[in-house]
């Protein structure tokens, strides 16, 4: 997947309809998470979804919409989430090892910058 600059994201966002519903809420929640890192379960809970699968669906739909606008083809059955986030695979827990049980999703800084510049989410207070 290609690396997209904040300017490339912004140029497309300014030509797209601003997302509605809970999308701006979860984008803001994700951007505001420490290190822009969270899990789909945490993001889902933050915006009132009952299950992480709803979060996967909504974030995936947004990613596909943005990928199409950027002209970034995706393979059939593949979601364009890598344009927007980096994934850290689960490591599992054991008596000797404490780690993540779920994928950690880290919002790419270029995506976060463009979201604010396009007015899709507010600036960080105090920044």
N, C-alpha and C. Protein backbone atom coordinates (compact mmCIF):
# COMPACT_ATOMS: atom_id res chain seq x y z
N UNK A 1 0.85 -1.18 0.00
CA UNK A 1 0.00 0.00 0.00
C UNK A 1 0.89 1.23 0.00
N UNK A 2 0.53 2.23 -0.74
CA UNK A 2 1.36 3.43 -0.85
C UNK A 2 1.25 4.29 0.40
N UNK A 3 2.32 5.04 0.69
CA UNK A 3 2.29 6.00 1.78
C UNK A 3 1.67 7.28 1.24
N UNK A 4 0.69 7.79 1.95
CA UNK A 4 -0.05 8.97 1.52
C UNK A 4 0.34 10.13 2.42
N UNK A 5 0.64 11.28 1.81
CA UNK A 5 1.00 12.46 2.59
C UNK A 5 -0.24 13.13 3.15
N UNK A 6 -0.04 13.98 4.14
CA UNK A 6 -1.19 14.71 4.70
C UNK A 6 -1.79 15.63 3.63
N UNK A 7 -0.97 16.17 2.73
CA UNK A 7 -1.48 17.04 1.67
C UNK A 7 -2.34 16.25 0.69
N UNK A 8 -1.94 15.01 0.38
CA UNK A 8 -2.75 14.17 -0.52
C UNK A 8 -4.08 13.81 0.13
N UNK A 9 -4.04 13.44 1.42
CA UNK A 9 -5.29 13.18 2.13
C UNK A 9 -6.17 14.43 2.09
N UNK A 10 -5.59 15.56 2.47
CA UNK A 10 -6.37 16.80 2.56
C UNK A 10 -7.02 17.16 1.23
N UNK A 11 -6.27 17.05 0.14
CA UNK A 11 -6.83 17.39 -1.17
C UNK A 11 -8.07 16.56 -1.46
N UNK A 12 -8.06 15.29 -1.09
CA UNK A 12 -9.22 14.44 -1.33
C UNK A 12 -10.35 14.75 -0.34
N UNK A 13 -10.00 14.96 0.93
CA UNK A 13 -11.03 15.24 1.93
C UNK A 13 -11.83 16.48 1.58
N UNK A 14 -11.16 17.49 1.02
CA UNK A 14 -11.85 18.73 0.67
C UNK A 14 -12.84 18.54 -0.47
N UNK A 15 -12.69 17.45 -1.22
CA UNK A 15 -13.60 17.14 -2.33
C UNK A 15 -14.62 16.06 -1.97
N UNK A 16 -14.56 15.58 -0.73
CA UNK A 16 -15.46 14.51 -0.29
C UNK A 16 -16.50 15.08 0.67
N UNK A 17 -17.61 14.38 0.76
CA UNK A 17 -18.61 14.72 1.76
C UNK A 17 -18.05 14.36 3.13
N UNK A 18 -18.17 15.30 4.06
CA UNK A 18 -17.70 15.06 5.43
C UNK A 18 -18.51 13.90 6.03
N UNK A 19 -17.84 12.94 6.67
CA UNK A 19 -18.59 11.81 7.24
C UNK A 19 -19.51 12.26 8.37
N UNK A 20 -20.59 11.53 8.51
CA UNK A 20 -21.55 11.82 9.57
C UNK A 20 -21.64 10.69 10.56
N UNK A 21 -22.73 10.68 11.31
CA UNK A 21 -22.95 9.63 12.30
C UNK A 21 -21.85 9.63 13.35
N UNK A 22 -21.40 8.44 13.71
CA UNK A 22 -20.38 8.31 14.75
C UNK A 22 -18.95 8.38 14.21
N UNK A 23 -18.82 8.50 12.89
CA UNK A 23 -17.48 8.48 12.29
C UNK A 23 -16.59 9.60 12.85
N UNK A 24 -17.03 10.87 12.86
CA UNK A 24 -16.16 11.90 13.44
C UNK A 24 -15.82 11.63 14.91
N UNK A 25 -16.76 11.03 15.64
CA UNK A 25 -16.50 10.72 17.05
C UNK A 25 -15.39 9.69 17.19
N UNK A 26 -15.44 8.60 16.41
CA UNK A 26 -14.41 7.58 16.58
C UNK A 26 -13.07 8.06 16.02
N UNK A 27 -13.09 8.90 14.98
CA UNK A 27 -11.84 9.45 14.48
C UNK A 27 -11.18 10.35 15.53
N UNK A 28 -11.98 11.16 16.17
CA UNK A 28 -11.45 12.04 17.24
C UNK A 28 -10.94 11.20 18.41
N UNK A 29 -11.70 10.20 18.80
CA UNK A 29 -11.29 9.33 19.90
C UNK A 29 -9.97 8.64 19.58
N UNK A 30 -9.83 8.18 18.34
CA UNK A 30 -8.61 7.50 17.93
C UNK A 30 -7.44 8.48 17.92
N UNK A 31 -7.64 9.66 17.34
CA UNK A 31 -6.58 10.67 17.30
C UNK A 31 -6.15 11.07 18.71
N UNK A 32 -7.10 11.16 19.64
CA UNK A 32 -6.81 11.61 21.01
C UNK A 32 -6.21 10.53 21.90
N UNK A 33 -6.24 9.27 21.46
CA UNK A 33 -5.66 8.18 22.26
C UNK A 33 -4.15 8.38 22.36
N UNK A 34 -3.57 7.96 23.46
CA UNK A 34 -2.14 8.07 23.66
C UNK A 34 -1.40 7.45 22.48
N UNK A 35 -0.55 8.24 21.84
CA UNK A 35 0.19 7.75 20.69
C UNK A 35 -0.68 7.44 19.49
N UNK A 36 -1.93 7.92 19.50
CA UNK A 36 -2.93 7.62 18.45
C UNK A 36 -3.12 6.12 18.32
N UNK A 37 -2.90 5.38 19.42
CA UNK A 37 -2.99 3.91 19.41
C UNK A 37 -4.18 3.46 20.24
N UNK A 38 -4.95 2.52 19.69
CA UNK A 38 -6.11 1.98 20.39
C UNK A 38 -6.42 0.60 19.83
N UNK A 39 -7.51 0.04 20.28
CA UNK A 39 -8.03 -1.20 19.70
C UNK A 39 -9.43 -0.90 19.19
N UNK A 40 -9.92 -1.75 18.33
CA UNK A 40 -11.27 -1.56 17.82
C UNK A 40 -12.30 -1.69 18.94
N UNK A 41 -12.04 -2.54 19.92
CA UNK A 41 -12.97 -2.69 21.05
C UNK A 41 -13.07 -1.40 21.86
N UNK A 42 -11.93 -0.78 22.12
CA UNK A 42 -11.93 0.47 22.89
C UNK A 42 -12.61 1.57 22.09
N UNK A 43 -12.29 1.70 20.82
CA UNK A 43 -12.93 2.72 19.99
C UNK A 43 -14.44 2.51 19.92
N UNK A 44 -14.85 1.26 19.77
CA UNK A 44 -16.28 0.94 19.72
C UNK A 44 -16.97 1.40 21.00
N UNK A 45 -16.38 1.06 22.13
CA UNK A 45 -16.96 1.45 23.42
C UNK A 45 -17.01 2.98 23.55
N UNK A 46 -15.97 3.67 23.09
CA UNK A 46 -15.91 5.13 23.19
C UNK A 46 -17.07 5.82 22.49
N UNK A 47 -17.58 5.22 21.41
CA UNK A 47 -18.64 5.87 20.65
C UNK A 47 -19.99 5.17 20.77
N UNK A 48 -20.08 4.19 21.67
CA UNK A 48 -21.37 3.57 21.95
C UNK A 48 -21.74 2.37 21.12
N UNK A 49 -20.80 1.81 20.37
CA UNK A 49 -21.07 0.55 19.69
C UNK A 49 -20.95 -0.58 20.70
N UNK A 50 -21.73 -1.61 20.53
CA UNK A 50 -21.72 -2.73 21.48
C UNK A 50 -20.60 -3.72 21.22
N UNK A 51 -20.06 -3.72 20.00
CA UNK A 51 -19.08 -4.75 19.64
C UNK A 51 -18.05 -4.16 18.69
N UNK A 52 -16.84 -4.68 18.75
CA UNK A 52 -15.77 -4.19 17.88
C UNK A 52 -16.09 -4.41 16.39
N UNK A 53 -16.94 -5.36 16.07
CA UNK A 53 -17.25 -5.64 14.66
C UNK A 53 -17.92 -4.44 13.99
N UNK A 54 -18.73 -3.69 14.73
CA UNK A 54 -19.34 -2.48 14.18
C UNK A 54 -18.26 -1.45 13.86
N UNK A 55 -17.26 -1.39 14.72
CA UNK A 55 -16.14 -0.47 14.50
C UNK A 55 -15.35 -0.88 13.26
N UNK A 56 -15.07 -2.19 13.15
CA UNK A 56 -14.37 -2.69 11.96
C UNK A 56 -15.13 -2.30 10.69
N UNK A 57 -16.44 -2.48 10.71
CA UNK A 57 -17.26 -2.18 9.54
C UNK A 57 -17.18 -0.69 9.19
N UNK A 58 -17.39 0.17 10.17
CA UNK A 58 -17.43 1.60 9.89
C UNK A 58 -16.06 2.15 9.47
N UNK A 59 -15.01 1.73 10.16
CA UNK A 59 -13.66 2.19 9.79
C UNK A 59 -13.29 1.64 8.42
N UNK A 60 -13.66 0.39 8.16
CA UNK A 60 -13.38 -0.22 6.86
C UNK A 60 -14.09 0.48 5.72
N UNK A 61 -15.34 0.85 5.93
CA UNK A 61 -16.09 1.58 4.90
C UNK A 61 -15.44 2.93 4.61
N UNK A 62 -15.03 3.62 5.67
CA UNK A 62 -14.36 4.91 5.49
C UNK A 62 -13.06 4.72 4.73
N UNK A 63 -12.29 3.70 5.09
CA UNK A 63 -11.02 3.43 4.41
C UNK A 63 -11.23 3.16 2.93
N UNK A 64 -12.24 2.38 2.60
CA UNK A 64 -12.53 2.09 1.19
C UNK A 64 -12.90 3.36 0.43
N UNK A 65 -13.69 4.20 1.06
CA UNK A 65 -14.11 5.46 0.43
C UNK A 65 -12.90 6.34 0.16
N UNK A 66 -12.01 6.43 1.13
CA UNK A 66 -10.81 7.26 0.97
C UNK A 66 -9.87 6.65 -0.07
N UNK A 67 -9.72 5.33 -0.05
CA UNK A 67 -8.85 4.66 -1.03
C UNK A 67 -9.33 4.92 -2.45
N UNK A 68 -10.64 4.84 -2.66
CA UNK A 68 -11.19 5.12 -4.00
C UNK A 68 -10.90 6.56 -4.41
N UNK A 69 -11.10 7.50 -3.48
CA UNK A 69 -10.85 8.91 -3.79
C UNK A 69 -9.38 9.16 -4.13
N UNK A 70 -8.49 8.44 -3.47
CA UNK A 70 -7.05 8.59 -3.72
C UNK A 70 -6.58 7.81 -4.94
N UNK A 71 -7.46 6.97 -5.50
CA UNK A 71 -7.07 6.14 -6.62
C UNK A 71 -6.15 5.01 -6.24
N UNK A 72 -6.27 4.54 -5.01
CA UNK A 72 -5.46 3.42 -4.51
C UNK A 72 -6.27 2.14 -4.61
N UNK A 73 -5.96 1.31 -5.59
CA UNK A 73 -6.73 0.08 -5.74
C UNK A 73 -6.47 -0.89 -4.60
N UNK A 74 -7.49 -1.63 -4.24
CA UNK A 74 -7.34 -2.69 -3.25
C UNK A 74 -7.75 -4.00 -3.90
N UNK A 75 -7.17 -5.07 -3.40
CA UNK A 75 -7.52 -6.38 -3.94
C UNK A 75 -8.91 -6.76 -3.45
N UNK A 76 -9.65 -7.56 -4.25
CA UNK A 76 -10.99 -7.99 -3.82
C UNK A 76 -10.94 -8.65 -2.45
N UNK A 77 -11.84 -8.24 -1.58
CA UNK A 77 -11.91 -8.81 -0.24
C UNK A 77 -10.90 -8.22 0.73
N UNK A 78 -10.11 -7.25 0.27
CA UNK A 78 -9.09 -6.63 1.12
C UNK A 78 -9.54 -5.22 1.46
N UNK A 79 -9.34 -4.82 2.69
CA UNK A 79 -9.74 -3.49 3.14
C UNK A 79 -8.54 -2.57 3.11
N UNK A 80 -8.76 -1.31 2.83
CA UNK A 80 -7.69 -0.33 2.66
C UNK A 80 -7.26 0.32 3.97
N UNK A 81 -7.47 -0.33 5.08
CA UNK A 81 -7.17 0.26 6.38
C UNK A 81 -5.71 0.68 6.53
N UNK A 82 -4.80 -0.01 5.84
CA UNK A 82 -3.38 0.31 5.97
C UNK A 82 -3.06 1.72 5.49
N UNK A 83 -3.93 2.32 4.69
CA UNK A 83 -3.74 3.72 4.31
C UNK A 83 -3.88 4.65 5.51
N UNK A 84 -4.74 4.25 6.45
CA UNK A 84 -5.11 5.13 7.56
C UNK A 84 -4.42 4.78 8.87
N UNK A 85 -4.11 3.51 9.05
CA UNK A 85 -3.57 3.04 10.34
C UNK A 85 -2.45 2.03 10.12
N UNK A 86 -1.65 1.86 11.16
CA UNK A 86 -0.69 0.76 11.22
C UNK A 86 -1.26 -0.25 12.20
N UNK A 87 -0.97 -1.52 11.98
CA UNK A 87 -1.46 -2.58 12.85
C UNK A 87 -0.32 -3.20 13.65
N UNK A 88 -0.58 -3.46 14.92
CA UNK A 88 0.34 -4.22 15.76
C UNK A 88 -0.41 -5.49 16.13
N UNK A 89 0.12 -6.61 15.69
CA UNK A 89 -0.55 -7.90 15.89
C UNK A 89 -0.60 -8.27 17.36
N UNK A 90 -1.65 -9.02 17.75
CA UNK A 90 -1.74 -9.47 19.14
C UNK A 90 -0.60 -10.42 19.48
N UNK A 91 -0.11 -10.29 20.69
CA UNK A 91 0.96 -11.17 21.15
C UNK A 91 0.45 -12.21 22.13
N UNK A 92 -0.74 -11.97 22.68
CA UNK A 92 -1.31 -12.90 23.65
C UNK A 92 -0.73 -12.70 25.04
N UNK A 93 -1.36 -13.28 26.00
CA UNK A 93 -0.92 -13.17 27.39
C UNK A 93 -0.54 -14.54 27.92
N UNK A 94 0.37 -14.52 28.85
CA UNK A 94 0.75 -15.74 29.55
C UNK A 94 1.21 -15.34 30.95
N UNK A 95 1.51 -16.32 31.79
CA UNK A 95 1.97 -16.03 33.14
C UNK A 95 3.29 -15.26 33.12
N UNK A 96 4.07 -15.45 32.05
CA UNK A 96 5.37 -14.80 31.96
C UNK A 96 5.38 -13.58 31.05
N UNK A 97 4.27 -13.35 30.34
CA UNK A 97 4.28 -12.31 29.33
C UNK A 97 2.94 -11.58 29.31
N UNK A 98 2.96 -10.28 29.53
CA UNK A 98 1.75 -9.47 29.48
C UNK A 98 1.80 -8.65 28.20
N UNK A 99 0.80 -8.79 27.36
CA UNK A 99 0.79 -8.08 26.09
C UNK A 99 -0.64 -7.91 25.59
N UNK A 100 -0.75 -7.42 24.37
CA UNK A 100 -2.07 -7.17 23.79
C UNK A 100 -2.75 -8.46 23.34
N UNK A 101 -4.05 -8.54 23.62
CA UNK A 101 -4.87 -9.66 23.17
C UNK A 101 -5.55 -9.36 21.83
N UNK A 102 -5.58 -8.10 21.44
CA UNK A 102 -6.22 -7.67 20.21
C UNK A 102 -5.22 -6.90 19.36
N UNK A 103 -5.56 -6.74 18.09
CA UNK A 103 -4.75 -5.87 17.25
C UNK A 103 -4.80 -4.46 17.82
N UNK A 104 -3.66 -3.81 17.84
CA UNK A 104 -3.60 -2.39 18.17
C UNK A 104 -3.55 -1.64 16.85
N UNK A 105 -4.38 -0.63 16.73
CA UNK A 105 -4.40 0.19 15.51
C UNK A 105 -3.85 1.56 15.86
N UNK A 106 -2.86 1.99 15.09
CA UNK A 106 -2.20 3.27 15.32
C UNK A 106 -2.53 4.18 14.14
N UNK A 107 -3.22 5.27 14.42
CA UNK A 107 -3.59 6.20 13.36
C UNK A 107 -2.34 6.85 12.79
N UNK A 108 -2.22 6.80 11.47
CA UNK A 108 -1.06 7.42 10.83
C UNK A 108 -1.09 8.94 11.05
N UNK A 109 0.05 9.55 11.36
CA UNK A 109 0.08 10.99 11.63
C UNK A 109 -0.39 11.84 10.46
N UNK A 110 -0.11 11.39 9.23
CA UNK A 110 -0.54 12.13 8.05
C UNK A 110 -2.06 12.17 7.95
N UNK A 111 -2.69 11.07 8.31
CA UNK A 111 -4.15 10.98 8.31
C UNK A 111 -4.72 11.89 9.38
N UNK A 112 -4.14 11.85 10.58
CA UNK A 112 -4.62 12.69 11.69
C UNK A 112 -4.51 14.17 11.34
N UNK A 113 -3.39 14.57 10.76
CA UNK A 113 -3.18 15.97 10.38
C UNK A 113 -4.22 16.43 9.36
N UNK A 114 -4.47 15.59 8.37
CA UNK A 114 -5.44 15.95 7.32
C UNK A 114 -6.86 16.01 7.85
N UNK A 115 -7.20 15.13 8.79
CA UNK A 115 -8.55 15.15 9.38
C UNK A 115 -8.84 16.51 10.01
N UNK A 116 -7.88 17.05 10.73
CA UNK A 116 -8.05 18.36 11.37
C UNK A 116 -8.08 19.46 10.32
N UNK A 117 -7.13 19.42 9.38
CA UNK A 117 -7.04 20.47 8.36
C UNK A 117 -8.31 20.56 7.52
N UNK A 118 -8.95 19.41 7.30
CA UNK A 118 -10.19 19.38 6.49
C UNK A 118 -11.43 19.72 7.32
N UNK A 119 -11.26 19.83 8.63
CA UNK A 119 -12.40 20.13 9.49
C UNK A 119 -13.27 18.92 9.80
N UNK A 120 -12.72 17.71 9.58
CA UNK A 120 -13.49 16.50 9.88
C UNK A 120 -13.51 16.22 11.38
N UNK A 121 -12.44 16.62 12.08
CA UNK A 121 -12.39 16.55 13.55
C UNK A 121 -11.78 17.84 14.05
N UNK A 122 -12.07 18.23 15.31
CA UNK A 122 -11.51 19.48 15.83
C UNK A 122 -10.03 19.33 16.18
N UNK A 123 -9.37 20.48 16.27
CA UNK A 123 -7.98 20.48 16.72
C UNK A 123 -7.91 20.01 18.16
N UNK A 124 -6.74 19.56 18.55
CA UNK A 124 -6.51 19.17 19.94
C UNK A 124 -6.56 20.44 20.78
N UNK A 125 -7.34 20.41 21.85
CA UNK A 125 -7.44 21.57 22.74
C UNK A 125 -6.09 21.82 23.39
N UNK A 126 -5.70 23.09 23.42
CA UNK A 126 -4.44 23.47 24.04
C UNK A 126 -3.24 23.28 23.14
N UNK A 127 -3.47 22.91 21.88
CA UNK A 127 -2.33 22.68 20.98
C UNK A 127 -2.00 23.95 20.22
